[in-house]
Amino acid sequence: MGFMDTVKGWFGKAKEQTSDLTEKAAPMAEKAKETAEGAYEKTKDVAGDTYEKTKDFVKGEGKEAAEKVEEVKDTAAEAVEQADDKTE
């Protein structure tokens, strides 16, 4: 019976120490959770603001880029036609 009492004592102490550590860690975990939520909200706000500030610019640049591509295509087509005319 001495061995069983010793084993029960070990597990009893471990359970008690775990409970103590859990109680001490709970406030820290809650604070970490609150901090993470705050960081998430701030990041979401900043990302949203950045998107709103840049979306029109990006759309405008995309349109301008598409127009430039069309100009280059037209110029290239004209150059090919002129080259064909000269080789004939």
PDB file of N, CA and C in Angstrom:
ATOM      1  N   MET A   1       0.810  -1.205   0.000  1.00  0.00           N
ATOM      2  CA  MET A   1       0.000   0.000   0.000  1.00  0.00           C
ATOM      3  C   MET A   1       0.851   1.265   0.000  1.00  0.00           C
ATOM      4  N   GLY A   2       2.043   1.192   0.464  1.00  0.00           N
ATOM      5  CA  GLY A   2       2.900   2.366   0.517  1.00  0.00           C
ATOM      6  C   GLY A   2       3.195   2.917  -0.858  1.00  0.00           C
ATOM      7  N   PHE A   3       3.396   1.990  -1.807  1.00  0.00           N
ATOM      8  CA  PHE A   3       3.676   2.424  -3.177  1.00  0.00           C
ATOM      9  C   PHE A   3       2.490   3.167  -3.771  1.00  0.00           C
ATOM     10  N   MET A   4       1.291   2.657  -3.592  1.00  0.00           N
ATOM     11  CA  MET A   4       0.089   3.299  -4.131  1.00  0.00           C
ATOM     12  C   MET A   4      -0.131   4.665  -3.503  1.00  0.00           C
ATOM     13  N   ASP A   5       0.138   4.772  -2.220  1.00  0.00           N
ATOM     14  CA  ASP A   5       0.001   6.076  -1.552  1.00  0.00           C
ATOM     15  C   ASP A   5       0.986   7.083  -2.134  1.00  0.00           C
ATOM     16  N   THR A   6       2.190   6.623  -2.423  1.00  0.00           N
ATOM     17  CA  THR A   6       3.208   7.502  -3.002  1.00  0.00           C
ATOM     18  C   THR A   6       2.774   7.980  -4.388  1.00  0.00           C
ATOM     19  N   VAL A   7       2.294   7.056  -5.218  1.00  0.00           N
ATOM     20  CA  VAL A   7       1.847   7.410  -6.562  1.00  0.00           C
ATOM     21  C   VAL A   7       0.668   8.368  -6.497  1.00  0.00           C
ATOM     22  N   LYS A   8      -0.290   8.102  -5.611  1.00  0.00           N
ATOM     23  CA  LYS A   8      -1.445   8.996  -5.455  1.00  0.00           C
ATOM     24  C   LYS A   8      -0.988  10.376  -5.003  1.00  0.00           C
ATOM     25  N   GLY A   9       0.012  10.408  -4.143  1.00  0.00           N
ATOM     26  CA  GLY A   9       0.553  11.689  -3.672  1.00  0.00           C
ATOM     27  C   GLY A   9       1.167  12.482  -4.813  1.00  0.00           C
ATOM     28  N   TRP A  10       1.905  11.783  -5.678  1.00  0.00           N
ATOM     29  CA  TRP A  10       2.514  12.468  -6.823  1.00  0.00           C
ATOM     30  C   TRP A  10       1.461  13.078  -7.733  1.00  0.00           C
ATOM     31  N   PHE A  11       0.459  12.274  -8.063  1.00  0.00           N
ATOM     32  CA  PHE A  11      -0.590  12.775  -8.949  1.00  0.00           C
ATOM     33  C   PHE A  11      -1.426  13.864  -8.283  1.00  0.00           C
ATOM     34  N   GLY A  12      -1.626  13.736  -6.987  1.00  0.00           N
ATOM     35  CA  GLY A  12      -2.366  14.764  -6.252  1.00  0.00           C
ATOM     36  C   GLY A  12      -1.633  16.093  -6.286  1.00  0.00           C
ATOM     37  N   LYS A  13      -0.302  16.051  -6.067  1.00  0.00           N
ATOM     38  CA  LYS A  13       0.504  17.279  -6.106  1.00  0.00           C
ATOM     39  C   LYS A  13       0.529  17.867  -7.515  1.00  0.00           C
ATOM     40  N   ALA A  14       0.650  16.994  -8.506  1.00  0.00           N
ATOM     41  CA  ALA A  14       0.675  17.480  -9.883  1.00  0.00           C
ATOM     42  C   ALA A  14      -0.639  18.153 -10.237  1.00  0.00           C
ATOM     43  N   LYS A  15      -1.747  17.560  -9.813  1.00  0.00           N
ATOM     44  CA  LYS A  15      -3.061  18.142 -10.090  1.00  0.00           C
ATOM     45  C   LYS A  15      -3.193  19.496  -9.402  1.00  0.00           C
ATOM     46  N   GLU A  16      -2.720  19.567  -8.177  1.00  0.00           N
ATOM     47  CA  GLU A  16      -2.800  20.810  -7.406  1.00  0.00           C
ATOM     48  C   GLU A  16      -1.939  21.897  -8.060  1.00  0.00           C
ATOM     49  N   GLN A  17      -0.716  21.538  -8.472  1.00  0.00           N
ATOM     50  CA  GLN A  17       0.175  22.513  -9.100  1.00  0.00           C
ATOM     51  C   GLN A  17      -0.384  22.971 -10.449  1.00  0.00           C
ATOM     52  N   THR A  18      -0.984  22.064 -11.178  1.00  0.00           N
ATOM     53  CA  THR A  18      -1.583  22.421 -12.456  1.00  0.00           C
ATOM     54  C   THR A  18      -2.723  23.410 -12.265  1.00  0.00           C
ATOM     55  N   SER A  19      -3.533  23.170 -11.249  1.00  0.00           N
ATOM     56  CA  SER A  19      -4.634  24.098 -10.966  1.00  0.00           C
ATOM     57  C   SER A  19      -4.104  25.480 -10.615  1.00  0.00           C
ATOM     58  N   ASP A  20      -3.054  25.523  -9.794  1.00  0.00           N
ATOM     59  CA  ASP A  20      -2.458  26.806  -9.423  1.00  0.00           C
ATOM     60  C   ASP A  20      -1.911  27.541 -10.650  1.00  0.00           C
ATOM     61  N   LEU A  21      -1.202  26.815 -11.496  1.00  0.00           N
ATOM     62  CA  LEU A  21      -0.641  27.445 -12.690  1.00  0.00           C
ATOM     63  C   LEU A  21      -1.730  27.913 -13.649  1.00  0.00           C
ATOM     64  N   THR A  22      -2.787  27.146 -13.751  1.00  0.00           N
ATOM     65  CA  THR A  22      -3.903  27.526 -14.615  1.00  0.00           C
ATOM     66  C   THR A  22      -4.540  28.821 -14.119  1.00  0.00           C
ATOM     67  N   GLU A  23      -4.713  28.917 -12.823  1.00  0.00           N
ATOM     68  CA  GLU A  23      -5.293  30.142 -12.253  1.00  0.00           C
ATOM     69  C   GLU A  23      -4.397  31.347 -12.505  1.00  0.00           C
ATOM     70  N   LYS A  24      -3.087  31.149 -12.415  1.00  0.00           N
ATOM     71  CA  LYS A  24      -2.154  32.255 -12.637  1.00  0.00           C
ATOM     72  C   LYS A  24      -2.075  32.635 -14.118  1.00  0.00           C
ATOM     73  N   ALA A  25      -2.211  31.653 -14.989  1.00  0.00           N
ATOM     74  CA  ALA A  25      -2.070  31.908 -16.423  1.00  0.00           C
ATOM     75  C   ALA A  25      -3.336  32.483 -17.059  1.00  0.00           C
ATOM     76  N   ALA A  26      -4.483  32.254 -16.465  1.00  0.00           N
ATOM     77  CA  ALA A  26      -5.749  32.695 -17.053  1.00  0.00           C
ATOM     78  C   ALA A  26      -5.785  34.201 -17.334  1.00  0.00           C
ATOM     79  N   PRO A  27      -5.393  35.050 -16.373  1.00  0.00           N
ATOM     80  CA  PRO A  27      -5.421  36.490 -16.684  1.00  0.00           C
ATOM     81  C   PRO A  27      -4.459  36.874 -17.809  1.00  0.00           C
ATOM     82  N   MET A  28      -3.314  36.210 -17.853  1.00  0.00           N
ATOM     83  CA  MET A  28      -2.350  36.511 -18.922  1.00  0.00           C
ATOM     84  C   MET A  28      -2.904  36.083 -20.277  1.00  0.00           C
ATOM     85  N   ALA A  29      -3.567  34.960 -20.326  1.00  0.00           N
ATOM     86  CA  ALA A  29      -4.158  34.493 -21.575  1.00  0.00           C
ATOM     87  C   ALA A  29      -5.272  35.439 -22.021  1.00  0.00           C
ATOM     88  N   GLU A  30      -6.049  35.909 -21.083  1.00  0.00           N
ATOM     89  CA  GLU A  30      -7.134  36.848 -21.415  1.00  0.00           C
ATOM     90  C   GLU A  30      -6.563  38.161 -21.944  1.00  0.00           C
ATOM     91  N   LYS A  31      -5.488  38.638 -21.316  1.00  0.00           N
ATOM     92  CA  LYS A  31      -4.860  39.879 -21.773  1.00  0.00           C
ATOM     93  C   LYS A  31      -4.274  39.698 -23.170  1.00  0.00           C
ATOM     94  N   ALA A  32      -3.647  38.552 -23.423  1.00  0.00           N
ATOM     95  CA  ALA A  32      -3.100  38.278 -24.752  1.00  0.00           C
ATOM     96  C   ALA A  32      -4.211  38.232 -25.792  1.00  0.00           C
ATOM     97  N   LYS A  33      -5.327  37.654 -25.434  1.00  0.00           N
ATOM     98  CA  LYS A  33      -6.464  37.580 -26.349  1.00  0.00           C
ATOM     99  C   LYS A  33      -6.990  38.978 -26.671  1.00  0.00           C
ATOM    100  N   GLU A  34      -7.113  39.818 -25.651  1.00  0.00           N
ATOM    101  CA  GLU A  34      -7.591  41.191 -25.859  1.00  0.00           C
ATOM    102  C   GLU A  34      -6.612  41.980 -26.737  1.00  0.00           C
ATOM    103  N   THR A  35      -5.323  41.798 -26.486  1.00  0.00           N
ATOM    104  CA  THR A  35      -4.302  42.494 -27.276  1.00  0.00           C
ATOM    105  C   THR A  35      -4.368  42.051 -28.729  1.00  0.00           C
ATOM    106  N   ALA A  36      -4.509  40.756 -28.950  1.00  0.00           N
ATOM    107  CA  ALA A  36      -4.593  40.237 -30.321  1.00  0.00           C
ATOM    108  C   ALA A  36      -5.834  40.758 -31.023  1.00  0.00           C
ATOM    109  N   GLU A  37      -6.955  40.810 -30.319  1.00  0.00           N
ATOM    110  CA  GLU A  37      -8.180  41.337 -30.922  1.00  0.00           C
ATOM    111  C   GLU A  37      -8.003  42.799 -31.301  1.00  0.00           C
ATOM    112  N   GLY A  38      -7.358  43.562 -30.417  1.00  0.00           N
ATOM    113  CA  GLY A  38      -7.114  44.978 -30.706  1.00  0.00           C
ATOM    114  C   GLY A  38      -6.208  45.153 -31.917  1.00  0.00           C
ATOM    115  N   ALA A  39      -5.161  44.341 -31.988  1.00  0.00           N
ATOM    116  CA  ALA A  39      -4.238  44.416 -33.128  1.00  0.00           C
ATOM    117  C   ALA A  39      -4.957  44.038 -34.413  1.00  0.00           C
ATOM    118  N   TYR A  40      -5.816  43.034 -34.354  1.00  0.00           N
ATOM    119  CA  TYR A  40      -6.567  42.609 -35.534  1.00  0.00           C
ATOM    120  C   TYR A  40      -7.469  43.743 -36.013  1.00  0.00           C
ATOM    121  N   GLU A  41      -8.191  44.362 -35.100  1.00  0.00           N
ATOM    122  CA  GLU A  41      -9.103  45.444 -35.472  1.00  0.00           C
ATOM    123  C   GLU A  41      -8.338  46.617 -36.083  1.00  0.00           C
ATOM    124  N   LYS A  42      -7.209  46.966 -35.467  1.00  0.00           N
ATOM    125  CA  LYS A  42      -6.425  48.091 -35.983  1.00  0.00           C
ATOM    126  C   LYS A  42      -5.888  47.766 -37.379  1.00  0.00           C
ATOM    127  N   THR A  43      -5.387  46.547 -37.552  1.00  0.00           N
ATOM    128  CA  THR A  43      -4.873  46.131 -38.861  1.00  0.00           C
ATOM    129  C   THR A  43      -5.976  46.160 -39.905  1.00  0.00           C
ATOM    130  N   LYS A  44      -7.154  45.683 -39.519  1.00  0.00           N
ATOM    131  CA  LYS A  44      -8.296  45.676 -40.439  1.00  0.00           C
ATOM    132  C   LYS A  44      -8.661  47.102 -40.841  1.00  0.00           C
ATOM    133  N   ASP A  45      -8.660  48.015 -39.872  1.00  0.00           N
ATOM    134  CA  ASP A  45      -8.989  49.412 -40.171  1.00  0.00           C
ATOM    135  C   ASP A  45      -7.955  50.041 -41.103  1.00  0.00           C
ATOM    136  N   VAL A  46      -6.679  49.819 -40.804  1.00  0.00           N
ATOM    137  CA  VAL A  46      -5.619  50.404 -41.622  1.00  0.00           C
ATOM    138  C   VAL A  46      -5.671  49.831 -43.031  1.00  0.00           C
ATOM    139  N   ALA A  47      -5.870  48.524 -43.141  1.00  0.00           N
ATOM    140  CA  ALA A  47      -5.945  47.905 -44.466  1.00  0.00           C
ATOM    141  C   ALA A  47      -7.139  48.442 -45.243  1.00  0.00           C
ATOM    142  N   GLY A  48      -8.259  48.601 -44.575  1.00  0.00           N
ATOM    143  CA  GLY A  48      -9.449  49.145 -45.234  1.00  0.00           C
ATOM    144  C   GLY A  48      -9.218  50.565 -45.710  1.00  0.00           C
ATOM    145  N   ASP A  49      -8.605  51.387 -44.856  1.00  0.00           N
ATOM    146  CA  ASP A  49      -8.305  52.769 -45.232  1.00  0.00           C
ATOM    147  C   ASP A  49      -7.346  52.820 -46.416  1.00  0.00           C
ATOM    148  N   THR A  50      -6.336  51.985 -46.377  1.00  0.00           N
ATOM    149  CA  THR A  50      -5.348  51.955 -47.461  1.00  0.00           C
ATOM    150  C   THR A  50      -6.005  51.545 -48.763  1.00  0.00           C
ATOM    151  N   TYR A  51      -6.864  50.549 -48.692  1.00  0.00           N
ATOM    152  CA  TYR A  51      -7.580  50.114 -49.893  1.00  0.00           C
ATOM    153  C   TYR A  51      -8.413  51.253 -50.458  1.00  0.00           C
ATOM    154  N   GLU A  52      -9.155  51.922 -49.581  1.00  0.00           N
ATOM    155  CA  GLU A  52     -10.019  53.018 -50.048  1.00  0.00           C
ATOM    156  C   GLU A  52      -9.206  54.133 -50.686  1.00  0.00           C
ATOM    157  N   LYS A  53      -8.029  54.419 -50.117  1.00  0.00           N
ATOM    158  CA  LYS A  53      -7.207  55.505 -50.638  1.00  0.00           C
ATOM    159  C   LYS A  53      -6.560  55.144 -51.977  1.00  0.00           C
ATOM    160  N   THR A  54      -6.296  53.870 -52.200  1.00  0.00           N
ATOM    161  CA  THR A  54      -5.540  53.488 -53.392  1.00  0.00           C
ATOM    162  C   THR A  54      -6.375  52.865 -54.499  1.00  0.00           C
ATOM    163  N   LYS A  55      -7.601  52.460 -54.222  1.00  0.00           N
ATOM    164  CA  LYS A  55      -8.364  51.718 -55.235  1.00  0.00           C
ATOM    165  C   LYS A  55      -8.605  52.539 -56.504  1.00  0.00           C
ATOM    166  N   ASP A  56      -8.938  53.819 -56.349  1.00  0.00           N
ATOM    167  CA  ASP A  56      -9.176  54.643 -57.530  1.00  0.00           C
ATOM    168  C   ASP A  56      -7.886  54.846 -58.324  1.00  0.00           C
ATOM    169  N   PHE A  57      -6.792  55.033 -57.606  1.00  0.00           N
ATOM    170  CA  PHE A  57      -5.503  55.210 -58.267  1.00  0.00           C
ATOM    171  C   PHE A  57      -5.138  53.968 -59.064  1.00  0.00           C
ATOM    172  N   VAL A  58      -5.296  52.806 -58.445  1.00  0.00           N
ATOM    173  CA  VAL A  58      -4.952  51.555 -59.116  1.00  0.00           C
ATOM    174  C   VAL A  58      -5.849  51.331 -60.322  1.00  0.00           C
ATOM    175  N   LYS A  59      -7.130  51.580 -60.172  1.00  0.00           N
ATOM    176  CA  LYS A  59      -8.049  51.419 -61.299  1.00  0.00           C
ATOM    177  C   LYS A  59      -7.663  52.363 -62.434  1.00  0.00           C
ATOM    178  N   GLY A  60      -7.330  53.591 -62.083  1.00  0.00           N
ATOM    179  CA  GLY A  60      -6.927  54.572 -63.094  1.00  0.00           C
ATOM    180  C   GLY A  60      -5.652  54.156 -63.792  1.00  0.00           C
ATOM    181  N   GLU A  61      -4.683  53.678 -63.026  1.00  0.00           N
ATOM    182  CA  GLU A  61      -3.420  53.242 -63.610  1.00  0.00           C
ATOM    183  C   GLU A  61      -3.646  52.027 -64.504  1.00  0.00           C
ATOM    184  N   GLY A  62      -4.515  51.153 -64.091  1.00  0.00           N
ATOM    185  CA  GLY A  62      -4.812  49.974 -64.908  1.00  0.00           C
ATOM    186  C   GLY A  62      -5.413  50.373 -66.247  1.00  0.00           C
ATOM    187  N   LYS A  63      -6.299  51.355 -66.214  1.00  0.00           N
ATOM    188  CA  LYS A  63      -6.927  51.831 -67.455  1.00  0.00           C
ATOM    189  C   LYS A  63      -5.874  52.478 -68.351  1.00  0.00           C
ATOM    190  N   GLU A  64      -5.018  53.296 -67.746  1.00  0.00           N
ATOM    191  CA  GLU A  64      -3.964  53.942 -68.523  1.00  0.00           C
ATOM    192  C   GLU A  64      -3.014  52.903 -69.117  1.00  0.00           C
ATOM    193  N   ALA A  65      -2.689  51.885 -68.345  1.00  0.00           N
ATOM    194  CA  ALA A  65      -1.796  50.832 -68.840  1.00  0.00           C
ATOM    195  C   ALA A  65      -2.442  50.109 -70.016  1.00  0.00           C
ATOM    196  N   ALA A  66      -3.738  49.827 -69.918  1.00  0.00           N
ATOM    197  CA  ALA A  66      -4.438  49.154 -71.012  1.00  0.00           C
ATOM    198  C   ALA A  66      -4.427  50.026 -72.268  1.00  0.00           C
ATOM    199  N   GLU A  67      -4.605  51.325 -72.089  1.00  0.00           N
ATOM    200  CA  GLU A  67      -4.567  52.236 -73.231  1.00  0.00           C
ATOM    201  C   GLU A  67      -3.186  52.242 -73.879  1.00  0.00           C
ATOM    202  N   LYS A  68      -2.138  52.234 -73.049  1.00  0.00           N
ATOM    203  CA  LYS A  68      -0.766  52.220 -73.572  1.00  0.00           C
ATOM    204  C   LYS A  68      -0.503  50.921 -74.333  1.00  0.00           C
ATOM    205  N   VAL A  69      -1.004  49.820 -73.816  1.00  0.00           N
ATOM    206  CA  VAL A  69      -0.829  48.535 -74.494  1.00  0.00           C
ATOM    207  C   VAL A  69      -1.490  48.591 -75.864  1.00  0.00           C
ATOM    208  N   GLU A  70      -2.676  49.155 -75.931  1.00  0.00           N
ATOM    209  CA  GLU A  70      -3.369  49.283 -77.224  1.00  0.00           C
ATOM    210  C   GLU A  70      -2.560  50.155 -78.184  1.00  0.00           C
ATOM    211  N   GLU A  71      -1.999  51.250 -77.670  1.00  0.00           N
ATOM    212  CA  GLU A  71      -1.182  52.122 -78.518  1.00  0.00           C
ATOM    213  C   GLU A  71       0.028  51.369 -79.063  1.00  0.00           C
ATOM    214  N   VAL A  72       0.673  50.606 -78.202  1.00  0.00           N
ATOM    215  CA  VAL A  72       1.855  49.846 -78.617  1.00  0.00           C
ATOM    216  C   VAL A  72       1.457  48.794 -79.653  1.00  0.00           C
ATOM    217  N   LYS A  73       0.330  48.126 -79.439  1.00  0.00           N
ATOM    218  CA  LYS A  73      -0.142  47.134 -80.410  1.00  0.00           C
ATOM    219  C   LYS A  73      -0.390  47.785 -81.762  1.00  0.00           C
ATOM    220  N   ASP A  74      -1.045  48.941 -81.744  1.00  0.00           N
ATOM    221  CA  ASP A  74      -1.323  49.642 -83.000  1.00  0.00           C
ATOM    222  C   ASP A  74      -0.027  50.038 -83.695  1.00  0.00           C
ATOM    223  N   THR A  75       0.922  50.562 -82.921  1.00  0.00           N
ATOM    224  CA  THR A  75       2.204  50.970 -83.495  1.00  0.00           C
ATOM    225  C   THR A  75       2.938  49.764 -84.063  1.00  0.00           C
ATOM    226  N   ALA A  76       2.902  48.658 -83.344  1.00  0.00           N
ATOM    227  CA  ALA A  76       3.571  47.438 -83.808  1.00  0.00           C
ATOM    228  C   ALA A  76       2.905  46.929 -85.088  1.00  0.00           C
ATOM    229  N   ALA A  77       1.587  46.981 -85.150  1.00  0.00           N
ATOM    230  CA  ALA A  77       0.870  46.532 -86.352  1.00  0.00           C
ATOM    231  C   ALA A  77       1.250  47.399 -87.545  1.00  0.00           C
ATOM    232  N   GLU A  78       1.340  48.702 -87.314  1.00  0.00           N
ATOM    233  CA  GLU A  78       1.740  49.615 -88.400  1.00  0.00           C
ATOM    234  C   GLU A  78       3.156  49.308 -88.853  1.00  0.00           C
ATOM    235  N   ALA A  79       4.032  49.034 -87.914  1.00  0.00           N
ATOM    236  CA  ALA A  79       5.429  48.727 -88.258  1.00  0.00           C
ATOM    237  C   ALA A  79       5.512  47.443 -89.069  1.00  0.00           C
ATOM    238  N   VAL A  80       4.724  46.457 -88.697  1.00  0.00           N
ATOM    239  CA  VAL A  80       4.713  45.190 -89.445  1.00  0.00           C
ATOM    240  C   VAL A  80       4.200  45.431 -90.860  1.00  0.00           C
ATOM    241  N   GLU A  81       3.151  46.223 -91.005  1.00  0.00           N
ATOM    242  CA  GLU A  81       2.595  46.531 -92.320  1.00  0.00           C
ATOM    243  C   GLU A  81       3.641  47.249 -93.182  1.00  0.00           C
ATOM    244  N   GLN A  82       4.328  48.210 -92.592  1.00  0.00           N
ATOM    245  CA  GLN A  82       5.344  48.948 -93.339  1.00  0.00           C
ATOM    246  C   GLN A  82       6.490  48.022 -93.749  1.00  0.00           C
ATOM    247  N   ALA A  83       6.859  47.125 -92.862  1.00  0.00           N
ATOM    248  CA  ALA A  83       7.938  46.178 -93.188  1.00  0.00           C
ATOM    249  C   ALA A  83       7.497  45.260 -94.317  1.00  0.00           C
ATOM    250  N   ASP A  84       6.224  44.811 -94.277  1.00  0.00           N
ATOM    251  CA  ASP A  84       5.709  43.977 -95.349  1.00  0.00           C
ATOM    252  C   ASP A  84       5.715  44.713 -96.687  1.00  0.00           C
ATOM    253  N   ASP A  85       5.322  45.987 -96.647  1.00  0.00           N
ATOM    254  CA  ASP A  85       5.291  46.805 -97.873  1.00  0.00           C
ATOM    255  C   ASP A  85       6.687  46.946 -98.464  1.00  0.00           C
ATOM    256  N   LYS A  86       7.680  47.094 -97.616  1.00  0.00           N
ATOM    257  CA  LYS A  86       9.053  47.301 -98.099  1.00  0.00           C
ATOM    258  C   LYS A  86       9.645  46.002 -98.659  1.00  0.00           C
ATOM    259  N   THR A  87       9.212  44.871 -98.130  1.00  0.00           N
ATOM    260  CA  THR A  87       9.760  43.607 -98.605  1.00  0.00           C
ATOM    261  C   THR A  87       9.104  43.130 -99.880  1.00  0.00           C
ATOM    262  N   GLU A  88       7.996  43.697-100.252  1.00  0.00           N
ATOM    263  CA  GLU A  88       7.300  43.294-101.488  1.00  0.00           C
ATOM    264  C   GLU A  88       7.853  43.933-102.687  1.00  0.00           C
TER     265      GLU A  88
END
